[in-house]
Amino acid sequence: GMYLMPMIKEFHERGEPIRMLEIGLGCWKNYDAVSDKTKKSVHIWDTLLGAQDTIYVAEFNAPCALNWQARGIVPSRVNLLLGDQSNSTTVLEWAQVTGGASSLDVIIDDGGHSNLQILTSFNNLWHAVAPGGYYFIEDLQVSRRSDKEDTGGQYIMNDILKDWIEQLLIPRRETGWTHKVEAIKSLAPLSNRYTLLLFFLTLFYTFFSPCMCRSLQASV
């Protein structure tokens, strides 16, 4: 909210609509017993965003999502996308349905939180972020947990993101780091959006302020 509120205000003052995708509706196994008054983040977006704005929500648990949609738990304006975020074909389809390259102003990955899910989604959705847009990845602190590590240790998201930070910060002229140059070039699409600033500042606090992260978790 602290990042989106100023963005929403700025867009609306310019008369520009906002297009948002959130991965993760918040379904669970006992969804059928959930009250119709159940509140999820999608209800926040429905309240904050105007009629001119577009909301997409992707969910893995199709029976739950469709059940909630039929019962009115999901606001009628929300466009539901179904499928597995660890499947590249599925995520690319989401990107196409939501408008293709540079079509989304906000993407929030609050899905299954496994390393494979996060990496697959990022790899296939980053191109869909519009210049000046935001890409959020939630709950990175669980990437080493056994129930979230599904890559055999090859793609720990905390490690990958820290490597990206290093590649962006280490000067090319430094001796011994010439092998980083191509990697830095490959990250050029990142640097042409101010999303990068928020993206890596968020990571900094996640990695270097564990006490703060724990306190935030406890307060949720």
Protein backbone atom coordinates (compact mmCIF):
# COMPACT_ATOMS: atom_id res chain seq x y z
CA GLY A 1 0.00 0.00 0.00
CA MET A 2 2.78 2.49 0.88
CA TYR A 3 4.22 2.10 -2.62
CA LEU A 4 0.97 1.77 -4.54
CA MET A 5 -0.94 4.67 -3.00
CA PRO A 6 1.35 7.38 -4.46
CA MET A 7 1.42 5.55 -7.80
CA ILE A 8 -2.37 5.29 -7.92
CA LYS A 9 -2.74 8.97 -7.09
CA GLU A 10 -0.22 9.96 -9.77
CA PHE A 11 -1.84 7.82 -12.45
CA HIS A 12 -5.34 9.01 -11.65
CA GLU A 13 -4.28 12.67 -11.61
CA ARG A 14 -2.94 12.15 -15.13
CA GLY A 15 -6.13 10.39 -16.14
CA GLU A 16 -4.27 7.14 -16.85
CA PRO A 17 -5.74 3.72 -15.95
CA ILE A 18 -3.75 1.20 -13.92
CA ARG A 19 -3.42 -2.44 -14.91
CA MET A 20 -2.53 -4.87 -12.13
CA LEU A 21 -1.82 -8.60 -11.86
CA GLU A 22 -1.59 -10.40 -8.54
CA ILE A 23 -0.52 -14.04 -8.38
CA GLY A 24 -2.33 -15.75 -5.53
CA LEU A 25 -5.98 -15.31 -4.63
CA GLY A 26 -5.47 -16.88 -1.20
CA CYS A 27 -7.39 -20.13 -1.65
CA TRP A 28 -7.00 -23.12 0.65
CA LYS A 29 -8.34 -26.65 0.97
CA ASN A 30 -11.40 -25.85 3.07
CA TYR A 31 -12.46 -23.03 0.77
CA ASP A 32 -16.07 -24.21 0.60
CA ALA A 33 -16.53 -23.50 4.31
CA VAL A 34 -15.18 -19.98 4.05
CA SER A 35 -17.63 -17.17 4.70
CA ASP A 36 -18.72 -14.97 1.84
CA LYS A 37 -17.36 -12.09 3.94
CA THR A 38 -13.80 -13.44 3.66
CA LYS A 39 -11.46 -10.54 2.87
CA LYS A 40 -8.38 -10.91 0.71
CA SER A 41 -5.90 -8.49 -0.84
CA VAL A 42 -8.06 -8.48 -3.96
CA HIS A 43 -10.67 -6.59 -1.93
CA ILE A 44 -8.09 -3.93 -1.11
CA TRP A 45 -7.26 -3.49 -4.80
CA ASP A 46 -10.96 -3.39 -5.61
CA THR A 47 -11.38 -0.55 -3.11
CA LEU A 48 -8.25 1.41 -4.04
CA LEU A 49 -8.52 1.20 -7.81
CA GLY A 50 -11.12 3.03 -9.82
CA ALA A 51 -13.58 1.78 -12.39
CA GLN A 52 -11.13 2.69 -15.15
CA ASP A 53 -8.46 0.37 -13.71
CA THR A 54 -8.06 -3.33 -14.48
CA ILE A 55 -7.38 -6.12 -11.98
CA TYR A 56 -6.16 -9.60 -12.85
CA VAL A 57 -5.68 -12.33 -10.25
CA ALA A 58 -4.02 -15.66 -10.99
CA GLU A 59 -4.76 -18.72 -8.86
CA PHE A 60 -3.54 -22.33 -8.89
CA ASN A 61 -6.55 -23.78 -7.08
CA ALA A 62 -9.14 -23.55 -9.85
CA PRO A 63 -12.06 -25.17 -7.96
CA CYS A 64 -11.61 -22.73 -5.09
CA ALA A 65 -11.25 -19.66 -7.34
CA LEU A 66 -14.33 -20.55 -9.37
CA ASN A 67 -16.28 -21.34 -6.19
CA TRP A 68 -15.39 -17.97 -4.67
CA GLN A 69 -16.22 -16.24 -7.93
CA ALA A 70 -19.64 -17.90 -8.09
CA ARG A 71 -20.37 -16.99 -4.47
CA GLY A 72 -19.35 -13.37 -4.93
CA ILE A 73 -16.28 -13.56 -2.70
CA VAL A 74 -14.21 -12.43 -5.66
CA PRO A 75 -15.34 -8.96 -6.83
CA SER A 76 -17.13 -9.18 -10.17
CA ARG A 77 -14.68 -6.78 -11.85
CA VAL A 78 -11.71 -9.08 -11.21
CA ASN A 79 -10.39 -11.06 -14.16
CA LEU A 80 -9.48 -14.56 -12.99
CA LEU A 81 -6.51 -16.42 -14.48
CA LEU A 82 -6.08 -20.08 -13.58
CA GLY A 83 -3.05 -22.36 -13.65
CA ASP A 84 0.34 -23.24 -12.22
CA GLN A 85 2.83 -20.38 -11.90
CA SER A 86 5.74 -22.85 -12.10
CA ASN A 87 4.69 -23.71 -15.65
CA SER A 88 6.29 -21.39 -18.21
CA THR A 89 3.60 -22.01 -20.81
CA THR A 90 0.87 -21.07 -18.36
CA VAL A 91 2.62 -17.91 -17.19
CA LEU A 92 3.31 -16.81 -20.77
CA GLU A 93 -0.39 -17.25 -21.48
CA TRP A 94 -1.15 -14.98 -18.52
CA ALA A 95 1.23 -12.40 -19.99
CA GLN A 96 -0.55 -12.55 -23.34
CA VAL A 97 -4.03 -12.39 -21.85
CA THR A 98 -3.12 -9.33 -19.77
CA GLY A 99 -1.83 -7.47 -22.82
CA GLY A 100 1.67 -8.66 -23.64
CA ALA A 101 4.90 -6.68 -23.35
CA SER A 102 4.89 -3.55 -21.15
CA SER A 103 1.18 -3.87 -20.46
CA LEU A 104 1.07 -4.13 -16.65
CA ASP A 105 1.81 -1.34 -14.21
CA VAL A 106 1.90 -3.60 -11.15
CA ILE A 107 2.69 -7.29 -10.71
CA ILE A 108 2.55 -8.84 -7.25
CA ASP A 109 3.82 -12.38 -6.76
CA ASP A 110 2.11 -13.61 -3.60
CA GLY A 111 1.52 -17.12 -4.88
CA GLY A 112 3.01 -20.39 -3.71
CA HIS A 113 6.38 -18.82 -2.71
CA SER A 114 8.50 -21.76 -3.91
CA ASN A 115 11.75 -20.99 -5.70
CA LEU A 116 10.63 -22.56 -8.96
CA GLN A 117 7.33 -20.70 -8.90
CA ILE A 118 8.94 -17.31 -8.22
CA LEU A 119 11.71 -17.71 -10.79
CA THR A 120 9.41 -19.04 -13.52
CA SER A 121 6.94 -16.23 -12.97
CA PHE A 122 9.62 -13.55 -12.97
CA ASN A 123 11.34 -14.89 -16.08
CA ASN A 124 8.09 -14.93 -18.03
CA LEU A 125 6.39 -11.81 -16.68
CA TRP A 126 9.16 -9.22 -16.34
CA HIS A 127 8.75 -8.16 -19.96
CA ALA A 128 5.09 -7.42 -19.21
CA VAL A 129 5.98 -4.67 -16.69
CA ALA A 130 5.45 -1.23 -18.19
CA PRO A 131 8.20 1.42 -17.85
CA GLY A 132 7.72 3.02 -14.45
CA GLY A 133 5.91 -0.05 -13.17
CA TYR A 134 6.43 -2.22 -10.11
CA TYR A 135 7.19 -5.92 -9.67
CA PHE A 136 6.79 -7.19 -6.10
CA ILE A 137 7.95 -10.57 -4.80
CA GLU A 138 6.53 -11.42 -1.40
CA ASP A 139 7.84 -13.66 1.40
CA LEU A 140 11.37 -14.15 0.09
CA GLN A 141 12.47 -15.13 3.59
CA VAL A 142 11.02 -18.63 3.10
CA SER A 143 13.12 -19.53 0.05
CA ARG A 144 15.39 -21.87 2.05
CA ARG A 145 12.55 -23.64 3.80
CA SER A 146 12.27 -27.30 2.83
CA ASP A 147 8.65 -26.95 1.70
CA LYS A 148 9.55 -24.04 -0.60
CA GLU A 149 12.85 -25.30 -2.04
CA ASP A 150 11.86 -27.32 -5.12
CA THR A 151 14.90 -26.83 -7.37
CA GLY A 152 17.40 -29.25 -5.82
CA GLY A 153 19.42 -26.31 -4.52
CA GLN A 154 20.04 -24.89 -8.01
CA TYR A 155 17.81 -21.82 -7.86
CA ILE A 156 17.52 -20.41 -4.36
CA MET A 157 15.81 -17.08 -4.99
CA ASN A 158 17.62 -15.31 -2.16
CA ASP A 159 20.95 -16.28 -3.75
CA ILE A 160 19.84 -15.36 -7.25
CA LEU A 161 18.58 -11.93 -6.21
CA LYS A 162 21.72 -11.17 -4.22
CA ASP A 163 23.79 -12.15 -7.27
CA TRP A 164 21.78 -9.73 -9.40
CA ILE A 165 22.44 -6.97 -6.89
CA GLU A 166 26.17 -7.75 -7.00
CA GLN A 167 26.22 -7.71 -10.79
CA LEU A 168 24.57 -4.31 -10.84
CA LEU A 169 26.81 -2.77 -8.19
CA ILE A 170 30.30 -4.05 -9.04
CA PRO A 171 32.06 -1.65 -11.47
CA ARG A 172 33.05 -3.23 -14.76
CA ARG A 173 36.55 -1.79 -14.54
CA GLU A 174 37.49 -3.78 -11.41
CA THR A 175 40.16 -6.40 -12.02
CA GLY A 176 38.94 -9.92 -11.59
CA TRP A 177 35.31 -9.16 -12.34
CA THR A 178 35.37 -8.98 -16.12
CA HIS A 179 33.34 -12.16 -16.30
CA LYS A 180 30.47 -10.17 -14.80
CA VAL A 181 30.18 -7.79 -17.75
CA GLU A 182 27.93 -9.96 -19.89
CA ALA A 183 25.75 -10.71 -16.90
CA ILE A 184 25.39 -6.99 -16.25
CA LYS A 185 24.48 -6.39 -19.90
CA SER A 186 21.84 -9.09 -19.62
CA LEU A 187 20.21 -7.09 -16.84
CA ALA A 188 19.78 -3.97 -18.98
CA PRO A 189 15.99 -4.40 -19.14
CA LEU A 190 15.96 -4.12 -15.35
CA SER A 191 17.68 -0.76 -15.27
CA ASN A 192 15.28 1.00 -17.62
CA ARG A 193 12.50 0.92 -15.07
CA TYR A 194 12.55 2.62 -11.70
CA THR A 195 10.99 -0.62 -10.46
CA LEU A 196 14.59 -1.66 -9.87
CA LEU A 197 15.04 0.78 -7.01
CA LEU A 198 12.06 -0.53 -5.08
CA PHE A 199 12.88 -4.11 -6.04
CA PHE A 200 16.37 -4.12 -4.56
CA LEU A 201 15.69 -1.82 -1.62
CA THR A 202 13.03 -4.32 -0.58
CA LEU A 203 15.58 -7.11 -0.93
CA PHE A 204 18.11 -5.20 1.15
CA TYR A 205 15.73 -5.00 4.07
CA THR A 206 14.75 -8.64 3.64
CA PHE A 207 18.35 -9.87 3.72
CA PHE A 208 19.95 -7.50 6.19
CA SER A 209 17.15 -6.85 8.66
CA PRO A 210 16.01 -10.33 9.77
CA CYS A 211 14.77 -9.00 13.09
CA MET A 212 12.55 -6.53 11.30
CA CYS A 213 11.24 -9.28 9.02
CA ARG A 214 10.41 -11.50 11.99
CA SER A 215 8.59 -8.67 13.74
CA LEU A 216 6.62 -7.93 10.59
CA GLN A 217 5.66 -11.57 10.27
CA ALA A 218 4.56 -11.67 13.89
CA SER A 219 2.36 -8.63 13.43
CA VAL A 220 0.54 -9.98 10.38
